[in-house]
Amino acid sequence: MKKVALLVLLGAAALLPIKYGVAQERAAALAITVKDHRFEPAELRAPANRPISISVKNADSAPIEFESVSLRVEKVIAPGTSGTVNVRPLAPGRYEFFDDFHQQTRGTLVVQ
């Protein structure tokens, strides 16, 4: 009886990654830098229907807030540091982002 219970528990544990998304497709990794209040590059490209991980490096002397209404993300990044913004899988399209502390600093994520 103990062996059967152990096998049931092991089987259930093996299914957890699938049920809770741990075994999902790996995120598309992108990188962007903010320097002189500009995104470099100003346009990022990513595949559709896949999670996206954006590494944001702040090379300016002031903090930034990477924000996007359409992506539903925001993250404050201190000067001279980096942060990661994780984005859910997206349908094809153009998604704008900006630095909320410096509204003229804008960029676009193109998903195709």
PDB file of N, CA and C in Angstrom:
ATOM      1  N   MET A   1       0.819  -1.194   0.000  1.00  0.00           N
ATOM      2  CA  MET A   1       0.000   0.000   0.000  1.00  0.00           C
ATOM      3  C   MET A   1       0.864   1.260   0.000  1.00  0.00           C
ATOM      4  N   LYS A   2       1.984   1.240   0.741  1.00  0.00           N
ATOM      5  CA  LYS A   2       2.863   2.404   0.788  1.00  0.00           C
ATOM      6  C   LYS A   2       3.472   2.669  -0.584  1.00  0.00           C
ATOM      7  N   LYS A   3       3.800   1.596  -1.318  1.00  0.00           N
ATOM      8  CA  LYS A   3       4.382   1.766  -2.651  1.00  0.00           C
ATOM      9  C   LYS A   3       3.377   2.407  -3.603  1.00  0.00           C
ATOM     10  N   VAL A   4       2.121   2.022  -3.514  1.00  0.00           N
ATOM     11  CA  VAL A   4       1.093   2.593  -4.378  1.00  0.00           C
ATOM     12  C   VAL A   4       0.926   4.083  -4.067  1.00  0.00           C
ATOM     13  N   ALA A   5       0.875   4.419  -2.785  1.00  0.00           N
ATOM     14  CA  ALA A   5       0.736   5.828  -2.396  1.00  0.00           C
ATOM     15  C   ALA A   5       1.933   6.638  -2.883  1.00  0.00           C
ATOM     16  N   LEU A   6       3.125   6.085  -2.777  1.00  0.00           N
ATOM     17  CA  LEU A   6       4.323   6.762  -3.235  1.00  0.00           C
ATOM     18  C   LEU A   6       4.286   6.979  -4.744  1.00  0.00           C
ATOM     19  N   LEU A   7       3.847   5.974  -5.492  1.00  0.00           N
ATOM     20  CA  LEU A   7       3.758   6.110  -6.942  1.00  0.00           C
ATOM     21  C   LEU A   7       2.731   7.169  -7.347  1.00  0.00           C
ATOM     22  N   VAL A   8       1.618   7.236  -6.625  1.00  0.00           N
ATOM     23  CA  VAL A   8       0.603   8.244  -6.911  1.00  0.00           C
ATOM     24  C   VAL A   8       1.163   9.642  -6.652  1.00  0.00           C
ATOM     25  N   LEU A   9       1.880   9.815  -5.553  1.00  0.00           N
ATOM     26  CA  LEU A   9       2.473  11.117  -5.239  1.00  0.00           C
ATOM     27  C   LEU A   9       3.519  11.517  -6.267  1.00  0.00           C
ATOM     28  N   LEU A  10       4.358  10.579  -6.677  1.00  0.00           N
ATOM     29  CA  LEU A  10       5.373  10.874  -7.677  1.00  0.00           C
ATOM     30  C   LEU A  10       4.744  11.232  -9.020  1.00  0.00           C
ATOM     31  N   GLY A  11       3.686  10.535  -9.374  1.00  0.00           N
ATOM     32  CA  GLY A  11       2.972  10.841 -10.618  1.00  0.00           C
ATOM     33  C   GLY A  11       2.351  12.229 -10.577  1.00  0.00           C
ATOM     34  N   ALA A  12       1.751  12.582  -9.456  1.00  0.00           N
ATOM     35  CA  ALA A  12       1.153  13.907  -9.304  1.00  0.00           C
ATOM     36  C   ALA A  12       2.230  14.989  -9.354  1.00  0.00           C
ATOM     37  N   ALA A  13       3.359  14.741  -8.720  1.00  0.00           N
ATOM     38  CA  ALA A  13       4.448  15.713  -8.718  1.00  0.00           C
ATOM     39  C   ALA A  13       4.994  15.922 -10.130  1.00  0.00           C
ATOM     40  N   ALA A  14       5.010  14.870 -10.932  1.00  0.00           N
ATOM     41  CA  ALA A  14       5.502  14.984 -12.302  1.00  0.00           C
ATOM     42  C   ALA A  14       4.576  15.843 -13.162  1.00  0.00           C
ATOM     43  N   LEU A  15       3.289  15.896 -12.832  1.00  0.00           N
ATOM     44  CA  LEU A  15       2.329  16.681 -13.600  1.00  0.00           C
ATOM     45  C   LEU A  15       2.282  18.146 -13.181  1.00  0.00           C
ATOM     46  N   LEU A  16       2.790  18.495 -12.017  1.00  0.00           N
ATOM     47  CA  LEU A  16       2.739  19.877 -11.530  1.00  0.00           C
ATOM     48  C   LEU A  16       3.353  20.880 -12.501  1.00  0.00           C
ATOM     49  N   PRO A  17       4.532  20.628 -13.058  1.00  0.00           N
ATOM     50  CA  PRO A  17       5.098  21.618 -13.985  1.00  0.00           C
ATOM     51  C   PRO A  17       4.203  21.891 -15.184  1.00  0.00           C
ATOM     52  N   ILE A  18       3.517  20.883 -15.684  1.00  0.00           N
ATOM     53  CA  ILE A  18       2.639  21.071 -16.836  1.00  0.00           C
ATOM     54  C   ILE A  18       1.411  21.864 -16.429  1.00  0.00           C
ATOM     55  N   LYS A  19       0.798  21.514 -15.319  1.00  0.00           N
ATOM     56  CA  LYS A  19      -0.425  22.171 -14.886  1.00  0.00           C
ATOM     57  C   LYS A  19      -0.185  23.630 -14.539  1.00  0.00           C
ATOM     58  N   TYR A  20       0.923  23.949 -13.906  1.00  0.00           N
ATOM     59  CA  TYR A  20       1.168  25.307 -13.446  1.00  0.00           C
ATOM     60  C   TYR A  20       2.110  26.098 -14.346  1.00  0.00           C
ATOM     61  N   GLY A  21       2.384  25.613 -15.556  1.00  0.00           N
ATOM     62  CA  GLY A  21       3.106  26.388 -16.544  1.00  0.00           C
ATOM     63  C   GLY A  21       4.613  26.406 -16.406  1.00  0.00           C
ATOM     64  N   VAL A  22       5.167  25.612 -15.528  1.00  0.00           N
ATOM     65  CA  VAL A  22       6.618  25.614 -15.373  1.00  0.00           C
ATOM     66  C   VAL A  22       7.286  25.069 -16.625  1.00  0.00           C
ATOM     67  N   ALA A  23       6.614  24.157 -17.302  1.00  0.00           N
ATOM     68  CA  ALA A  23       7.197  23.540 -18.494  1.00  0.00           C
ATOM     69  C   ALA A  23       6.849  24.323 -19.756  1.00  0.00           C
ATOM     70  N   GLN A  24       6.415  25.578 -19.623  1.00  0.00           N
ATOM     71  CA  GLN A  24       6.082  26.386 -20.780  1.00  0.00           C
ATOM     72  C   GLN A  24       7.324  26.669 -21.617  1.00  0.00           C
ATOM     73  N   GLU A  25       7.058  27.153 -22.808  1.00  0.00           N
ATOM     74  CA  GLU A  25       8.141  27.519 -23.710  1.00  0.00           C
ATOM     75  C   GLU A  25       8.997  28.615 -23.072  1.00  0.00           C
ATOM     76  N   ARG A  26      10.287  28.545 -23.283  1.00  0.00           N
ATOM     77  CA  ARG A  26      11.228  29.521 -22.722  1.00  0.00           C
ATOM     78  C   ARG A  26      10.923  30.920 -23.265  1.00  0.00           C
ATOM     79  N   ALA A  27      11.076  31.926 -22.426  1.00  0.00           N
ATOM     80  CA  ALA A  27      10.806  33.314 -22.806  1.00  0.00           C
ATOM     81  C   ALA A  27      11.820  33.806 -23.834  1.00  0.00           C
ATOM     82  N   ALA A  28      11.350  34.634 -24.749  1.00  0.00           N
ATOM     83  CA  ALA A  28      12.236  35.301 -25.696  1.00  0.00           C
ATOM     84  C   ALA A  28      12.985  36.383 -24.926  1.00  0.00           C
ATOM     85  N   ALA A  29      14.301  36.372 -24.986  1.00  0.00           N
ATOM     86  CA  ALA A  29      15.127  37.315 -24.224  1.00  0.00           C
ATOM     87  C   ALA A  29      15.494  38.516 -25.093  1.00  0.00           C
ATOM     88  N   LEU A  30      15.149  39.713 -24.613  1.00  0.00           N
ATOM     89  CA  LEU A  30      15.466  40.957 -25.294  1.00  0.00           C
ATOM     90  C   LEU A  30      16.251  41.847 -24.346  1.00  0.00           C
ATOM     91  N   ALA A  31      17.005  42.787 -24.901  1.00  0.00           N
ATOM     92  CA  ALA A  31      17.778  43.713 -24.071  1.00  0.00           C
ATOM     93  C   ALA A  31      17.658  45.119 -24.640  1.00  0.00           C
ATOM     94  N   ILE A  32      17.575  46.085 -23.734  1.00  0.00           N
ATOM     95  CA  ILE A  32      17.470  47.491 -24.125  1.00  0.00           C
ATOM     96  C   ILE A  32      18.226  48.323 -23.102  1.00  0.00           C
ATOM     97  N   THR A  33      18.775  49.441 -23.551  1.00  0.00           N
ATOM     98  CA  THR A  33      19.505  50.354 -22.675  1.00  0.00           C
ATOM     99  C   THR A  33      18.867  51.730 -22.755  1.00  0.00           C
ATOM    100  N   VAL A  34      18.800  52.423 -21.624  1.00  0.00           N
ATOM    101  CA  VAL A  34      18.372  53.817 -21.608  1.00  0.00           C
ATOM    102  C   VAL A  34      19.624  54.658 -21.389  1.00  0.00           C
ATOM    103  N   LYS A  35      19.912  55.525 -22.368  1.00  0.00           N
ATOM    104  CA  LYS A  35      21.086  56.399 -22.279  1.00  0.00           C
ATOM    105  C   LYS A  35      20.712  57.751 -22.876  1.00  0.00           C
ATOM    106  N   ASP A  36      21.047  58.817 -22.169  1.00  0.00           N
ATOM    107  CA  ASP A  36      20.702  60.174 -22.604  1.00  0.00           C
ATOM    108  C   ASP A  36      19.189  60.296 -22.843  1.00  0.00           C
ATOM    109  N   HIS A  37      18.411  59.660 -21.978  1.00  0.00           N
ATOM    110  CA  HIS A  37      16.938  59.677 -22.044  1.00  0.00           C
ATOM    111  C   HIS A  37      16.411  59.153 -23.380  1.00  0.00           C
ATOM    112  N   ARG A  38      17.068  58.119 -23.915  1.00  0.00           N
ATOM    113  CA  ARG A  38      16.618  57.454 -25.143  1.00  0.00           C
ATOM    114  C   ARG A  38      16.763  55.947 -24.968  1.00  0.00           C
ATOM    115  N   PHE A  39      15.822  55.222 -25.535  1.00  0.00           N
ATOM    116  CA  PHE A  39      15.929  53.766 -25.556  1.00  0.00           C
ATOM    117  C   PHE A  39      16.830  53.372 -26.717  1.00  0.00           C
ATOM    118  N   GLU A  40      17.763  52.471 -26.456  1.00  0.00           N
ATOM    119  CA  GLU A  40      18.658  51.955 -27.488  1.00  0.00           C
ATOM    120  C   GLU A  40      18.597  50.435 -27.471  1.00  0.00           C
ATOM    121  N   PRO A  41      18.052  49.773 -28.470  1.00  0.00           N
ATOM    122  CA  PRO A  41      17.379  50.349 -29.621  1.00  0.00           C
ATOM    123  C   PRO A  41      15.985  50.866 -29.246  1.00  0.00           C
ATOM    124  N   ALA A  42      15.433  51.724 -30.087  1.00  0.00           N
ATOM    125  CA  ALA A  42      14.105  52.292 -29.827  1.00  0.00           C
ATOM    126  C   ALA A  42      12.999  51.316 -30.212  1.00  0.00           C
ATOM    127  N   GLU A  43      13.348  50.304 -31.004  1.00  0.00           N
ATOM    128  CA  GLU A  43      12.357  49.302 -31.410  1.00  0.00           C
ATOM    129  C   GLU A  43      12.898  47.906 -31.129  1.00  0.00           C
ATOM    130  N   LEU A  44      12.117  47.130 -30.414  1.00  0.00           N
ATOM    131  CA  LEU A  44      12.455  45.731 -30.124  1.00  0.00           C
ATOM    132  C   LEU A  44      11.536  44.833 -30.934  1.00  0.00           C
ATOM    133  N   ARG A  45      12.003  43.642 -31.262  1.00  0.00           N
ATOM    134  CA  ARG A  45      11.180  42.662 -31.986  1.00  0.00           C
ATOM    135  C   ARG A  45      11.153  41.359 -31.205  1.00  0.00           C
ATOM    136  N   ALA A  46       9.964  40.750 -31.172  1.00  0.00           N
ATOM    137  CA  ALA A  46       9.796  39.499 -30.432  1.00  0.00           C
ATOM    138  C   ALA A  46       8.800  38.603 -31.159  1.00  0.00           C
ATOM    139  N   PRO A  47       8.906  37.302 -30.941  1.00  0.00           N
ATOM    140  CA  PRO A  47       7.956  36.379 -31.564  1.00  0.00           C
ATOM    141  C   PRO A  47       6.593  36.433 -30.862  1.00  0.00           C
ATOM    142  N   ALA A  48       5.556  36.190 -31.626  1.00  0.00           N
ATOM    143  CA  ALA A  48       4.194  36.179 -31.077  1.00  0.00           C
ATOM    144  C   ALA A  48       3.946  34.928 -30.252  1.00  0.00           C
ATOM    145  N   ASN A  49       3.017  35.030 -29.337  1.00  0.00           N
ATOM    146  CA  ASN A  49       2.515  33.896 -28.542  1.00  0.00           C
ATOM    147  C   ASN A  49       3.590  33.199 -27.719  1.00  0.00           C
ATOM    148  N   ARG A  50       4.578  33.965 -27.276  1.00  0.00           N
ATOM    149  CA  ARG A  50       5.649  33.441 -26.425  1.00  0.00           C
ATOM    150  C   ARG A  50       5.910  34.445 -25.316  1.00  0.00           C
ATOM    151  N   PRO A  51       6.197  33.990 -24.107  1.00  0.00           N
ATOM    152  CA  PRO A  51       6.561  34.946 -23.051  1.00  0.00           C
ATOM    153  C   PRO A  51       7.807  35.725 -23.482  1.00  0.00           C
ATOM    154  N   ILE A  52       7.934  36.943 -22.959  1.00  0.00           N
ATOM    155  CA  ILE A  52       9.055  37.811 -23.317  1.00  0.00           C
ATOM    156  C   ILE A  52       9.716  38.306 -22.039  1.00  0.00           C
ATOM    157  N   SER A  53      11.029  38.298 -22.020  1.00  0.00           N
ATOM    158  CA  SER A  53      11.805  38.823 -20.902  1.00  0.00           C
ATOM    159  C   SER A  53      12.681  39.951 -21.440  1.00  0.00           C
ATOM    160  N   ILE A  54      12.451  41.170 -20.927  1.00  0.00           N
ATOM    161  CA  ILE A  54      13.202  42.333 -21.400  1.00  0.00           C
ATOM    162  C   ILE A  54      14.161  42.788 -20.305  1.00  0.00           C
ATOM    163  N   SER A  55      15.449  42.733 -20.601  1.00  0.00           N
ATOM    164  CA  SER A  55      16.462  43.243 -19.681  1.00  0.00           C
ATOM    165  C   SER A  55      16.642  44.728 -19.994  1.00  0.00           C
ATOM    166  N   VAL A  56      16.401  45.571 -18.985  1.00  0.00           N
ATOM    167  CA  VAL A  56      16.477  47.023 -19.172  1.00  0.00           C
ATOM    168  C   VAL A  56      17.659  47.554 -18.363  1.00  0.00           C
ATOM    169  N   LYS A  57      18.645  48.131 -19.062  1.00  0.00           N
ATOM    170  CA  LYS A  57      19.818  48.710 -18.407  1.00  0.00           C
ATOM    171  C   LYS A  57      19.654  50.225 -18.383  1.00  0.00           C
ATOM    172  N   ASN A  58      19.770  50.813 -17.209  1.00  0.00           N
ATOM    173  CA  ASN A  58      19.683  52.257 -17.067  1.00  0.00           C
ATOM    174  C   ASN A  58      21.091  52.838 -17.004  1.00  0.00           C
ATOM    175  N   ALA A  59      21.559  53.397 -18.130  1.00  0.00           N
ATOM    176  CA  ALA A  59      22.892  53.997 -18.191  1.00  0.00           C
ATOM    177  C   ALA A  59      22.860  55.491 -17.893  1.00  0.00           C
ATOM    178  N   ASP A  60      21.697  56.008 -17.510  1.00  0.00           N
ATOM    179  CA  ASP A  60      21.567  57.423 -17.160  1.00  0.00           C
ATOM    180  C   ASP A  60      21.880  57.653 -15.687  1.00  0.00           C
ATOM    181  N   SER A  61      21.972  58.927 -15.319  1.00  0.00           N
ATOM    182  CA  SER A  61      22.280  59.280 -13.926  1.00  0.00           C
ATOM    183  C   SER A  61      21.030  59.508 -13.091  1.00  0.00           C
ATOM    184  N   ALA A  62      19.873  59.282 -13.675  1.00  0.00           N
ATOM    185  CA  ALA A  62      18.595  59.441 -12.958  1.00  0.00           C
ATOM    186  C   ALA A  62      17.810  58.137 -13.056  1.00  0.00           C
ATOM    187  N   PRO A  63      16.933  57.878 -12.092  1.00  0.00           N
ATOM    188  CA  PRO A  63      16.112  56.673 -12.194  1.00  0.00           C
ATOM    189  C   PRO A  63      15.143  56.765 -13.372  1.00  0.00           C
ATOM    190  N   ILE A  64      14.730  55.610 -13.862  1.00  0.00           N
ATOM    191  CA  ILE A  64      13.716  55.545 -14.911  1.00  0.00           C
ATOM    192  C   ILE A  64      12.581  54.651 -14.423  1.00  0.00           C
ATOM    193  N   GLU A  65      11.425  54.810 -15.055  1.00  0.00           N
ATOM    194  CA  GLU A  65      10.324  53.880 -14.818  1.00  0.00           C
ATOM    195  C   GLU A  65       9.883  53.347 -16.172  1.00  0.00           C
ATOM    196  N   PHE A  66      10.325  52.125 -16.476  1.00  0.00           N
ATOM    197  CA  PHE A  66       9.911  51.459 -17.711  1.00  0.00           C
ATOM    198  C   PHE A  66       8.431  51.142 -17.550  1.00  0.00           C
ATOM    199  N   GLU A  67       7.612  51.679 -18.446  1.00  0.00           N
ATOM    200  CA  GLU A  67       6.166  51.486 -18.304  1.00  0.00           C
ATOM    201  C   GLU A  67       5.514  51.302 -19.657  1.00  0.00           C
ATOM    202  N   SER A  68       4.436  50.511 -19.657  1.00  0.00           N
ATOM    203  CA  SER A  68       3.627  50.320 -20.851  1.00  0.00           C
ATOM    204  C   SER A  68       2.214  49.966 -20.426  1.00  0.00           C
ATOM    205  N   VAL A  69       1.269  50.752 -20.909  1.00  0.00           N
ATOM    206  CA  VAL A  69      -0.139  50.475 -20.617  1.00  0.00           C
ATOM    207  C   VAL A  69      -0.573  49.222 -21.369  1.00  0.00           C
ATOM    208  N   SER A  70      -0.195  49.128 -22.660  1.00  0.00           N
ATOM    209  CA  SER A  70      -0.619  47.984 -23.471  1.00  0.00           C
ATOM    210  C   SER A  70       0.034  46.675 -23.043  1.00  0.00           C
ATOM    211  N   LEU A  71       1.257  46.738 -22.495  1.00  0.00           N
ATOM    212  CA  LEU A  71       1.929  45.529 -22.008  1.00  0.00           C
ATOM    213  C   LEU A  71       1.542  45.212 -20.566  1.00  0.00           C
ATOM    214  N   ARG A  72       0.946  46.185 -19.891  1.00  0.00           N
ATOM    215  CA  ARG A  72       0.560  46.067 -18.482  1.00  0.00           C
ATOM    216  C   ARG A  72       1.770  45.799 -17.588  1.00  0.00           C
ATOM    217  N   VAL A  73       2.823  46.617 -17.777  1.00  0.00           N
ATOM    218  CA  VAL A  73       4.025  46.481 -16.955  1.00  0.00           C
ATOM    219  C   VAL A  73       4.531  47.855 -16.530  1.00  0.00           C
ATOM    220  N   GLU A  74       5.217  47.883 -15.408  1.00  0.00           N
ATOM    221  CA  GLU A  74       5.965  49.061 -14.978  1.00  0.00           C
ATOM    222  C   GLU A  74       7.027  48.612 -13.995  1.00  0.00           C
ATOM    223  N   LYS A  75       8.190  49.244 -14.117  1.00  0.00           N
ATOM    224  CA  LYS A  75       9.302  48.875 -13.245  1.00  0.00           C
ATOM    225  C   LYS A  75      10.248  50.059 -13.119  1.00  0.00           C
ATOM    226  N   VAL A  76      10.547  50.438 -11.884  1.00  0.00           N
ATOM    227  CA  VAL A  76      11.517  51.502 -11.616  1.00  0.00           C
ATOM    228  C   VAL A  76      12.908  50.884 -11.591  1.00  0.00           C
ATOM    229  N   ILE A  77      13.845  51.548 -12.285  1.00  0.00           N
ATOM    230  CA  ILE A  77      15.220  51.057 -12.359  1.00  0.00           C
ATOM    231  C   ILE A  77      16.152  52.201 -11.972  1.00  0.00           C
ATOM    232  N   ALA A  78      16.945  51.970 -10.939  1.00  0.00           N
ATOM    233  CA  ALA A  78      17.865  52.989 -10.421  1.00  0.00           C
ATOM    234  C   ALA A  78      18.974  53.274 -11.434  1.00  0.00           C
ATOM    235  N   PRO A  79      19.605  54.443 -11.325  1.00  0.00           N
ATOM    236  CA  PRO A  79      20.708  54.763 -12.233  1.00  0.00           C
ATOM    237  C   PRO A  79      21.844  53.751 -12.116  1.00  0.00           C
ATOM    238  N   GLY A  80      22.402  53.397 -13.267  1.00  0.00           N
ATOM    239  CA  GLY A  80      23.547  52.488 -13.281  1.00  0.00           C
ATOM    240  C   GLY A  80      23.219  51.043 -12.965  1.00  0.00           C
ATOM    241  N   THR A  81      21.932  50.686 -12.940  1.00  0.00           N
ATOM    242  CA  THR A  81      21.548  49.302 -12.661  1.00  0.00           C
ATOM    243  C   THR A  81      20.687  48.758 -13.796  1.00  0.00           C
ATOM    244  N   SER A  82      20.344  47.490 -13.680  1.00  0.00           N
ATOM    245  CA  SER A  82      19.488  46.834 -14.661  1.00  0.00           C
ATOM    246  C   SER A  82      18.315  46.185 -13.956  1.00  0.00           C
ATOM    247  N   GLY A  83      17.275  45.959 -14.708  1.00  0.00           N
ATOM    248  CA  GLY A  83      16.101  45.257 -14.198  1.00  0.00           C
ATOM    249  C   GLY A  83      15.506  44.416 -15.305  1.00  0.00           C
ATOM    250  N   THR A  84      14.682  43.466 -14.939  1.00  0.00           N
ATOM    251  CA  THR A  84      14.037  42.598 -15.915  1.00  0.00           C
ATOM    252  C   THR A  84      12.542  42.807 -15.870  1.00  0.00           C
ATOM    253  N   VAL A  85      11.967  42.964 -17.047  1.00  0.00           N
ATOM    254  CA  VAL A  85      10.526  43.116 -17.197  1.00  0.00           C
ATOM    255  C   VAL A  85      10.021  41.872 -17.910  1.00  0.00           C
ATOM    256  N   ASN A  86       9.124  41.145 -17.270  1.00  0.00           N
ATOM    257  CA  ASN A  86       8.559  39.935 -17.867  1.00  0.00           C
ATOM    258  C   ASN A  86       7.189  40.253 -18.442  1.00  0.00           C
ATOM    259  N   VAL A  87       6.988  39.831 -19.687  1.00  0.00           N
ATOM    260  CA  VAL A  87       5.761  40.130 -20.413  1.00  0.00           C
ATOM    261  C   VAL A  87       5.090  38.821 -20.814  1.00  0.00           C
ATOM    262  N   ARG A  88       3.798  38.781 -20.670  1.00  0.00           N
ATOM    263  CA  ARG A  88       3.007  37.600 -21.042  1.00  0.00           C
ATOM    264  C   ARG A  88       3.084  37.364 -22.557  1.00  0.00           C
ATOM    265  N   PRO A  89       2.735  36.190 -23.041  1.00  0.00           N
ATOM    266  CA  PRO A  89       2.684  35.968 -24.487  1.00  0.00           C
ATOM    267  C   PRO A  89       1.715  36.965 -25.136  1.00  0.00           C
ATOM    268  N   LEU A  90       2.107  37.503 -26.272  1.00  0.00           N
ATOM    269  CA  LEU A  90       1.321  38.546 -26.933  1.00  0.00           C
ATOM    270  C   LEU A  90       0.933  38.149 -28.346  1.00  0.00           C
ATOM    271  N   ALA A  91      -0.173  38.683 -28.809  1.00  0.00           N
ATOM    272  CA  ALA A  91      -0.589  38.540 -30.195  1.00  0.00           C
ATOM    273  C   ALA A  91       0.260  39.478 -31.049  1.00  0.00           C
ATOM    274  N   PRO A  92       0.374  39.216 -32.344  1.00  0.00           N
ATOM    275  CA  PRO A  92       1.125  40.125 -33.203  1.00  0.00           C
ATOM    276  C   PRO A  92       0.588  41.552 -33.100  1.00  0.00           C
ATOM    277  N   GLY A  93       1.508  42.503 -33.138  1.00  0.00           N
ATOM    278  CA  GLY A  93       1.106  43.911 -33.067  1.00  0.00           C
ATOM    279  C   GLY A  93       2.248  44.780 -32.597  1.00  0.00           C
ATOM    280  N   ARG A  94       1.954  46.065 -32.411  1.00  0.00           N
ATOM    281  CA  ARG A  94       2.930  47.047 -31.943  1.00  0.00           C
ATOM    282  C   ARG A  94       2.505  47.495 -30.551  1.00  0.00           C
ATOM    283  N   TYR A  95       3.443  47.465 -29.616  1.00  0.00           N
ATOM    284  CA  TYR A  95       3.169  47.800 -28.222  1.00  0.00           C
ATOM    285  C   TYR A  95       4.148  48.897 -27.803  1.00  0.00           C
ATOM    286  N   GLU A  96       3.619  50.049 -27.414  1.00  0.00           N
ATOM    287  CA  GLU A  96       4.473  51.162 -27.015  1.00  0.00           C
ATOM    288  C   GLU A  96       4.881  51.049 -25.557  1.00  0.00           C
ATOM    289  N   PHE A  97       6.092  51.537 -25.254  1.00  0.00           N
ATOM    290  CA  PHE A  97       6.556  51.641 -23.874  1.00  0.00           C
ATOM    291  C   PHE A  97       7.260  52.980 -23.728  1.00  0.00           C
ATOM    292  N   PHE A  98       7.455  53.418 -22.482  1.00  0.00           N
ATOM    293  CA  PHE A  98       8.048  54.725 -22.237  1.00  0.00           C
ATOM    294  C   PHE A  98       8.659  54.773 -20.852  1.00  0.00           C
ATOM    295  N   ASP A  99       9.423  55.834 -20.609  1.00  0.00           N
ATOM    296  CA  ASP A  99       9.959  56.106 -19.283  1.00  0.00           C
ATOM    297  C   ASP A  99       8.987  57.081 -18.642  1.00  0.00           C
ATOM    298  N   ASP A 100       8.262  56.645 -17.634  1.00  0.00           N
ATOM    299  CA  ASP A 100       7.229  57.479 -17.019  1.00  0.00           C
ATOM    300  C   ASP A 100       7.813  58.722 -16.345  1.00  0.00           C
ATOM    301  N   PHE A 101       9.100  58.684 -15.970  1.00  0.00           N
ATOM    302  CA  PHE A 101       9.735  59.852 -15.356  1.00  0.00           C
ATOM    303  C   PHE A 101      10.192  60.873 -16.408  1.00  0.00           C
ATOM    304  N   HIS A 102      10.358  60.425 -17.641  1.00  0.00           N
ATOM    305  CA  HIS A 102      10.801  61.276 -18.748  1.00  0.00           C
ATOM    306  C   HIS A 102       9.943  60.889 -19.950  1.00  0.00           C
ATOM    307  N   GLN A 103       8.785  61.521 -20.060  1.00  0.00           N
ATOM    308  CA  GLN A 103       7.760  61.114 -21.028  1.00  0.00           C
ATOM    309  C   GLN A 103       8.240  61.118 -22.486  1.00  0.00           C
ATOM    310  N   GLN A 104       9.274  61.891 -22.816  1.00  0.00           N
ATOM    311  CA  GLN A 104       9.759  61.926 -24.192  1.00  0.00           C
ATOM    312  C   GLN A 104      10.535  60.658 -24.552  1.00  0.00           C
ATOM    313  N   THR A 105      10.926  59.877 -23.563  1.00  0.00           N
ATOM    314  CA  THR A 105      11.677  58.642 -23.796  1.00  0.00           C
ATOM    315  C   THR A 105      10.682  57.533 -24.133  1.00  0.00           C
ATOM    316  N   ARG A 106      10.626  57.170 -25.419  1.00  0.00           N
ATOM    317  CA  ARG A 106       9.612  56.216 -25.886  1.00  0.00           C
ATOM    318  C   ARG A 106      10.226  55.170 -26.809  1.00  0.00           C
ATOM    319  N   GLY A 107       9.584  54.008 -26.833  1.00  0.00           N
ATOM    320  CA  GLY A 107      10.018  52.935 -27.700  1.00  0.00           C
ATOM    321  C   GLY A 107       8.849  52.057 -28.078  1.00  0.00           C
ATOM    322  N   THR A 108       9.115  51.061 -28.910  1.00  0.00           N
ATOM    323  CA  THR A 108       8.062  50.171 -29.402  1.00  0.00           C
ATOM    324  C   THR A 108       8.544  48.727 -29.383  1.00  0.00           C
ATOM    325  N   LEU A 109       7.661  47.842 -28.984  1.00  0.00           N
ATOM    326  CA  LEU A 109       7.888  46.406 -29.077  1.00  0.00           C
ATOM    327  C   LEU A 109       7.031  45.904 -30.232  1.00  0.00           C
ATOM    328  N   VAL A 110       7.669  45.352 -31.243  1.00  0.00           N
ATOM    329  CA  VAL A 110       6.960  44.796 -32.401  1.00  0.00           C
ATOM    330  C   VAL A 110       6.909  43.284 -32.226  1.00  0.00           C
ATOM    331  N   VAL A 111       5.711  42.752 -32.142  1.00  0.00           N
ATOM    332  CA  VAL A 111       5.522  41.308 -31.973  1.00  0.00           C
ATOM    333  C   VAL A 111       5.000  40.766 -33.305  1.00  0.00           C
ATOM    334  N   GLN A 112       5.715  39.749 -33.822  1.00  0.00           N
ATOM    335  CA  GLN A 112       5.314  39.181 -35.120  1.00  0.00           C
ATOM    336  C   GLN A 112       5.413  37.675 -35.136  1.00  0.00           C
TER     337      GLN A 112
END
